[in-house]
Amino acid sequence: MSIVTLLPFIVLIGAMFLMTRSAKKKQQAAAQMRNEMQAGTGVRTIGGMYATVKEVHDETVLLEVAPGVHAIYAKNAIGAVIADEEYNRILDGADPLHADEPVVPDDASSLTGDAAAEATAKGDKIDLGKAETPAGDKTAADEATAGTDAKDAKAEADVAKADADAAKDDKKSGGDAK
C-alpha cells in the first residue's frame, strides 16, 4: 500500500487522539474542582440547583439546599463550584449593573420624546381615530378619492347607456320581426 491510501486513516486516528485528549483534560479539571470543594462554598449541581456545601466525603457531598434542609449528592453531580460573591448575587437575585454597559429602557416611548410619549407618561388617552377636517379643507388623499369616484361614476354611466342602447336595439329588431 502506498502512503496516499494510508494518509486519510492517519489523519482520522490523529483527530481522534486529539479529541480524546481534550476530553480527558476536561474530566481531570472537573475532578480536581470537585476534590478541592470545602465546606461553606457555593455550588451548582448538574441539574441547575444552587446549594451550600456542608460536608465533603469520599464519594458524596452533603448540601444545604435551603436553610435547615440538607441533601446528600454524589460528587459527580456537582457541576460547578461558584465564587462567593457570584453565589451571593445569585441567591439574592440581584443582577449587577455594569457601569460600562448602556441601560436599555423597557419601552421605546422614552426614546422618541414626542407628545404621544408624554401623554402616555401622564396617563392621558391618545385618540387614534381619524381627525375630522372642515368641509372646505381637502387633503391629497380626499382629492384622489374624489377623482377615482368621478371616474367610477362615469364608467357606470357609460355601461348603463350601453345597456339602454342594447335594449332599444333588441326592441327594434323584435318589433320588425313581428
C-alpha atoms as a PDB file:
ATOM      1  CA  MET A   1       0.000   0.000   0.000  1.00  0.00           C
ATOM      2  CA  SER A   2       1.139   3.475  -0.712  1.00  0.00           C
ATOM      3  CA  ILE A   3       1.301   6.395   1.718  1.00  0.00           C
ATOM      4  CA  VAL A   4      -1.502   8.164  -0.179  1.00  0.00           C
ATOM      5  CA  THR A   5      -4.009   5.449   0.704  1.00  0.00           C
ATOM      6  CA  LEU A   6      -2.911   5.387   4.353  1.00  0.00           C
ATOM      7  CA  LEU A   7      -2.973   9.187   4.784  1.00  0.00           C
ATOM      8  CA  PRO A   8      -6.765   9.504   5.462  1.00  0.00           C
ATOM      9  CA  PHE A   9      -6.531   6.811   8.151  1.00  0.00           C
ATOM     10  CA  ILE A  10      -3.538   8.506   9.787  1.00  0.00           C
ATOM     11  CA  VAL A  11      -5.383  11.857   9.830  1.00  0.00           C
ATOM     12  CA  LEU A  12      -8.501  10.211  11.307  1.00  0.00           C
ATOM     13  CA  ILE A  13      -6.523   8.487  14.074  1.00  0.00           C
ATOM     14  CA  GLY A  14      -4.710  11.761  14.871  1.00  0.00           C
ATOM     15  CA  ALA A  15      -8.010  13.677  15.135  1.00  0.00           C
ATOM     16  CA  MET A  16      -9.473  11.010  17.428  1.00  0.00           C
ATOM     17  CA  PHE A  17      -6.374  11.173  19.625  1.00  0.00           C
ATOM     18  CA  LEU A  18      -6.645  14.964  19.952  1.00  0.00           C
ATOM     19  CA  MET A  19     -10.367  14.818  20.785  1.00  0.00           C
ATOM     20  CA  THR A  20      -9.944  12.178  23.481  1.00  0.00           C
ATOM     21  CA  ARG A  21      -7.002  14.060  24.943  1.00  0.00           C
ATOM     22  CA  SER A  22      -9.009  17.293  25.345  1.00  0.00           C
ATOM     23  CA  ALA A  23     -11.948  15.362  26.837  1.00  0.00           C
ATOM     24  CA  LYS A  24      -9.622  13.740  29.379  1.00  0.00           C
ATOM     25  CA  LYS A  25      -8.243  17.160  30.337  1.00  0.00           C
ATOM     26  CA  LYS A  26     -11.781  18.465  30.947  1.00  0.00           C
ATOM     27  CA  GLN A  27     -12.640  15.432  33.067  1.00  0.00           C
ATOM     28  CA  GLN A  28      -9.465  15.843  35.124  1.00  0.00           C
ATOM     29  CA  ALA A  29     -10.199  19.548  35.696  1.00  0.00           C
ATOM     30  CA  ALA A  30     -13.754  18.730  36.840  1.00  0.00           C
ATOM     31  CA  ALA A  31     -12.497  16.010  39.195  1.00  0.00           C
ATOM     32  CA  GLN A  32      -9.898  18.385  40.640  1.00  0.00           C
ATOM     33  CA  MET A  33     -12.582  21.062  41.167  1.00  0.00           C
ATOM     34  CA  ARG A  34     -14.780  18.556  42.997  1.00  0.00           C
ATOM     35  CA  ASN A  35     -11.886  17.353  45.158  1.00  0.00           C
ATOM     36  CA  GLU A  36     -10.998  20.918  46.181  1.00  0.00           C
ATOM     37  CA  MET A  37     -14.526  21.676  47.444  1.00  0.00           C
ATOM     38  CA  GLN A  38     -14.679  22.848  51.020  1.00  0.00           C
ATOM     39  CA  ALA A  39     -17.488  23.280  53.490  1.00  0.00           C
ATOM     40  CA  GLY A  40     -19.200  26.664  53.094  1.00  0.00           C
ATOM     41  CA  THR A  41     -18.637  27.105  49.360  1.00  0.00           C
ATOM     42  CA  GLY A  42     -21.487  27.578  46.924  1.00  0.00           C
ATOM     43  CA  VAL A  43     -22.063  25.023  44.178  1.00  0.00           C
ATOM     44  CA  ARG A  44     -24.374  24.408  41.246  1.00  0.00           C
ATOM     45  CA  THR A  45     -25.467  20.842  40.573  1.00  0.00           C
ATOM     46  CA  ILE A  46     -25.698  19.389  37.081  1.00  0.00           C
ATOM     47  CA  GLY A  47     -29.475  19.737  37.478  1.00  0.00           C
ATOM     48  CA  GLY A  48     -29.130  23.509  37.974  1.00  0.00           C
ATOM     49  CA  MET A  49     -29.795  23.677  41.734  1.00  0.00           C
ATOM     50  CA  TYR A  50     -27.708  26.082  43.817  1.00  0.00           C
ATOM     51  CA  ALA A  51     -26.647  24.939  47.295  1.00  0.00           C
ATOM     52  CA  THR A  52     -24.026  25.402  50.005  1.00  0.00           C
ATOM     53  CA  VAL A  53     -21.571  22.599  50.807  1.00  0.00           C
ATOM     54  CA  LYS A  54     -21.850  21.393  54.417  1.00  0.00           C
ATOM     55  CA  GLU A  55     -19.669  18.269  54.396  1.00  0.00           C
ATOM     56  CA  VAL A  56     -17.403  16.613  51.834  1.00  0.00           C
ATOM     57  CA  HIS A  57     -16.883  12.823  51.892  1.00  0.00           C
ATOM     58  CA  ASP A  58     -15.036  10.454  49.543  1.00  0.00           C
ATOM     59  CA  GLU A  59     -17.853   9.916  47.031  1.00  0.00           C
ATOM     60  CA  THR A  60     -20.670  12.112  48.375  1.00  0.00           C
ATOM     61  CA  VAL A  61     -21.338  15.702  49.398  1.00  0.00           C
ATOM     62  CA  LEU A  62     -23.836  16.997  51.965  1.00  0.00           C
ATOM     63  CA  LEU A  63     -25.507  20.124  50.560  1.00  0.00           C
ATOM     64  CA  GLU A  64     -27.759  22.652  52.254  1.00  0.00           C
ATOM     65  CA  VAL A  65     -30.351  23.461  49.598  1.00  0.00           C
ATOM     66  CA  ALA A  66     -32.385  25.767  51.876  1.00  0.00           C
ATOM     67  CA  PRO A  67     -31.929  26.929  55.461  1.00  0.00           C
ATOM     68  CA  GLY A  68     -32.191  23.748  57.533  1.00  0.00           C
ATOM     69  CA  VAL A  69     -32.777  21.475  54.503  1.00  0.00           C
ATOM     70  CA  HIS A  70     -29.912  19.085  53.733  1.00  0.00           C
ATOM     71  CA  ALA A  71     -29.464  16.615  50.884  1.00  0.00           C
ATOM     72  CA  ILE A  72     -26.769  14.116  50.013  1.00  0.00           C
ATOM     73  CA  TYR A  73     -25.432  14.223  46.449  1.00  0.00           C
ATOM     74  CA  ALA A  74     -22.758  12.275  44.591  1.00  0.00           C
ATOM     75  CA  LYS A  75     -19.644  14.303  43.899  1.00  0.00           C
ATOM     76  CA  ASN A  76     -20.187  13.727  40.184  1.00  0.00           C
ATOM     77  CA  ALA A  77     -23.487  15.635  40.460  1.00  0.00           C
ATOM     78  CA  ILE A  78     -21.653  18.898  41.225  1.00  0.00           C
ATOM     79  CA  GLY A  79     -21.472  20.887  38.008  1.00  0.00           C
ATOM     80  CA  ALA A  80     -19.540  23.935  39.212  1.00  0.00           C
ATOM     81  CA  VAL A  81     -18.031  25.458  42.311  1.00  0.00           C
ATOM     82  CA  ILE A  82     -19.053  29.113  42.396  1.00  0.00           C
ATOM     83  CA  ALA A  83     -17.130  32.080  43.815  1.00  0.00           C
ATOM     84  CA  ASP A  84     -18.619  33.580  46.995  1.00  0.00           C
ATOM     85  CA  GLU A  85     -19.640  36.946  45.506  1.00  0.00           C
ATOM     86  CA  GLU A  86     -21.228  35.278  42.473  1.00  0.00           C
ATOM     87  CA  TYR A  87     -23.068  32.771  44.685  1.00  0.00           C
ATOM     88  CA  ASN A  88     -24.400  35.561  46.929  1.00  0.00           C
ATOM     89  CA  ARG A  89     -25.510  37.565  43.891  1.00  0.00           C
ATOM     90  CA  ILE A  90     -27.437  34.545  42.571  1.00  0.00           C
ATOM     91  CA  LEU A  91     -29.072  33.836  45.930  1.00  0.00           C
ATOM     92  CA  ASP A  92     -30.076  37.480  46.450  1.00  0.00           C
ATOM     93  CA  GLY A  93     -31.467  37.654  42.916  1.00  0.00           C
ATOM     94  CA  ALA A  94     -29.636  40.913  42.264  1.00  0.00           C
ATOM     95  CA  ASP A  95     -28.332  41.495  38.785  1.00  0.00           C
ATOM     96  CA  PRO A  96     -25.160  43.535  38.807  1.00  0.00           C
ATOM     97  CA  LEU A  97     -25.296  46.747  36.814  1.00  0.00           C
ATOM     98  CA  HIS A  98     -22.150  47.312  34.854  1.00  0.00           C
ATOM     99  CA  ALA A  99     -21.249  50.972  34.524  1.00  0.00           C
ATOM    100  CA  ASP A 100     -19.730  50.482  31.082  1.00  0.00           C
ATOM    101  CA  GLU A 101     -22.894  48.897  29.626  1.00  0.00           C
ATOM    102  CA  PRO A 102     -25.746  51.132  28.414  1.00  0.00           C
ATOM    103  CA  VAL A 103     -29.076  50.882  30.202  1.00  0.00           C
ATOM    104  CA  VAL A 104     -31.847  49.930  27.791  1.00  0.00           C
ATOM    105  CA  PRO A 105     -35.394  51.031  28.723  1.00  0.00           C
ATOM    106  CA  ASP A 106     -38.280  48.556  28.735  1.00  0.00           C
ATOM    107  CA  ASP A 107     -40.289  50.512  26.158  1.00  0.00           C
ATOM    108  CA  ALA A 108     -39.329  52.784  23.282  1.00  0.00           C
ATOM    109  CA  SER A 109     -41.574  55.684  24.290  1.00  0.00           C
ATOM    110  CA  SER A 110     -38.810  57.242  26.357  1.00  0.00           C
ATOM    111  CA  LEU A 111     -36.556  57.257  23.301  1.00  0.00           C
ATOM    112  CA  THR A 112     -38.903  59.150  20.974  1.00  0.00           C
ATOM    113  CA  GLY A 113     -39.564  62.240  23.095  1.00  0.00           C
ATOM    114  CA  ASP A 114     -42.752  63.159  21.218  1.00  0.00           C
ATOM    115  CA  ALA A 115     -46.107  64.319  22.531  1.00  0.00           C
ATOM    116  CA  ALA A 116     -47.614  60.834  22.405  1.00  0.00           C
ATOM    117  CA  ALA A 117     -44.963  59.545  24.773  1.00  0.00           C
ATOM    118  CA  GLU A 118     -45.550  62.478  27.121  1.00  0.00           C
ATOM    119  CA  ALA A 119     -49.302  61.870  27.024  1.00  0.00           C
ATOM    120  CA  THR A 120     -48.909  58.200  27.848  1.00  0.00           C
ATOM    121  CA  ALA A 121     -46.488  59.030  30.632  1.00  0.00           C
ATOM    122  CA  LYS A 122     -49.114  61.321  32.146  1.00  0.00           C
ATOM    123  CA  GLY A 123     -51.804  58.681  31.724  1.00  0.00           C
ATOM    124  CA  ASP A 124     -53.772  60.646  29.116  1.00  0.00           C
ATOM    125  CA  LYS A 125     -55.501  58.703  26.378  1.00  0.00           C
ATOM    126  CA  ILE A 126     -54.404  59.166  22.800  1.00  0.00           C
ATOM    127  CA  ASP A 127     -57.116  59.415  20.125  1.00  0.00           C
ATOM    128  CA  LEU A 128     -56.064  57.172  17.272  1.00  0.00           C
ATOM    129  CA  GLY A 129     -59.178  57.837  15.156  1.00  0.00           C
ATOM    130  CA  LYS A 130     -59.257  59.987  12.037  1.00  0.00           C
ATOM    131  CA  ALA A 131     -59.299  63.671  12.727  1.00  0.00           C
ATOM    132  CA  GLU A 132     -62.322  65.429  11.281  1.00  0.00           C
ATOM    133  CA  THR A 133     -61.455  68.078   8.692  1.00  0.00           C
ATOM    134  CA  PRO A 134     -63.611  71.117   7.980  1.00  0.00           C
ATOM    135  CA  ALA A 135     -65.776  70.911   4.837  1.00  0.00           C
ATOM    136  CA  GLY A 136     -63.556  73.277   2.847  1.00  0.00           C
ATOM    137  CA  ASP A 137     -60.282  71.509   3.707  1.00  0.00           C
ATOM    138  CA  LYS A 138     -59.404  68.585   1.450  1.00  0.00           C
ATOM    139  CA  THR A 139     -56.281  66.550   1.684  1.00  0.00           C
ATOM    140  CA  ALA A 140     -54.485  64.949  -1.250  1.00  0.00           C
ATOM    141  CA  ALA A 141     -55.996  61.592  -0.336  1.00  0.00           C
ATOM    142  CA  ASP A 142     -59.509  63.076  -0.366  1.00  0.00           C
ATOM    143  CA  GLU A 143     -58.891  64.629  -3.777  1.00  0.00           C
ATOM    144  CA  ALA A 144     -57.534  61.355  -5.162  1.00  0.00           C
ATOM    145  CA  THR A 145     -60.573  59.521  -3.837  1.00  0.00           C
ATOM    146  CA  ALA A 146     -62.888  62.128  -5.356  1.00  0.00           C
ATOM    147  CA  GLY A 147     -61.129  61.771  -8.718  1.00  0.00           C
ATOM    148  CA  THR A 148     -61.449  57.996  -8.568  1.00  0.00           C
ATOM    149  CA  ASP A 149     -65.120  58.251  -7.596  1.00  0.00           C
ATOM    150  CA  ALA A 150     -65.795  60.539 -10.576  1.00  0.00           C
ATOM    151  CA  LYS A 151     -64.122  58.087 -12.948  1.00  0.00           C
ATOM    152  CA  ASP A 152     -66.115  55.195 -11.479  1.00  0.00           C
ATOM    153  CA  ALA A 153     -69.396  57.142 -11.808  1.00  0.00           C
ATOM    154  CA  LYS A 154     -68.622  57.983 -15.450  1.00  0.00           C
ATOM    155  CA  ALA A 155     -67.789  54.346 -16.218  1.00  0.00           C
ATOM    156  CA  GLU A 156     -71.051  53.213 -14.612  1.00  0.00           C
ATOM    157  CA  ALA A 157     -72.992  55.809 -16.648  1.00  0.00           C
ATOM    158  CA  ASP A 158     -71.341  54.567 -19.848  1.00  0.00           C
ATOM    159  CA  VAL A 159     -72.269  50.971 -19.011  1.00  0.00           C
ATOM    160  CA  ALA A 160     -75.877  51.977 -18.261  1.00  0.00           C
ATOM    161  CA  LYS A 161     -76.099  53.899 -21.560  1.00  0.00           C
ATOM    162  CA  ALA A 162     -74.712  50.908 -23.474  1.00  0.00           C
ATOM    163  CA  ASP A 163     -77.286  48.632 -21.796  1.00  0.00           C
ATOM    164  CA  ALA A 164     -80.097  51.032 -22.677  1.00  0.00           C
ATOM    165  CA  ASP A 165     -78.923  51.206 -26.303  1.00  0.00           C
ATOM    166  CA  ALA A 166     -78.754  47.414 -26.483  1.00  0.00           C
ATOM    167  CA  ALA A 167     -82.262  47.114 -25.061  1.00  0.00           C
ATOM    168  CA  LYS A 168     -83.525  49.662 -27.608  1.00  0.00           C
ATOM    169  CA  ASP A 169     -81.883  47.725 -30.476  1.00  0.00           C
ATOM    170  CA  ASP A 170     -83.421  44.480 -29.220  1.00  0.00           C
ATOM    171  CA  LYS A 171     -86.851  46.142 -29.100  1.00  0.00           C
ATOM    172  CA  LYS A 172     -86.480  47.446 -32.654  1.00  0.00           C
ATOM    173  CA  SER A 173     -85.337  44.135 -34.038  1.00  0.00           C
ATOM    174  CA  GLY A 174     -88.046  42.326 -32.117  1.00  0.00           C
ATOM    175  CA  GLY A 175     -90.673  44.789 -33.374  1.00  0.00           C
ATOM    176  CA  ASP A 176     -89.613  44.321 -37.000  1.00  0.00           C
ATOM    177  CA  ALA A 177     -89.860  40.542 -36.700  1.00  0.00           C
ATOM    178  CA  LYS A 178     -93.492  40.688 -35.530  1.00  0.00           C
END
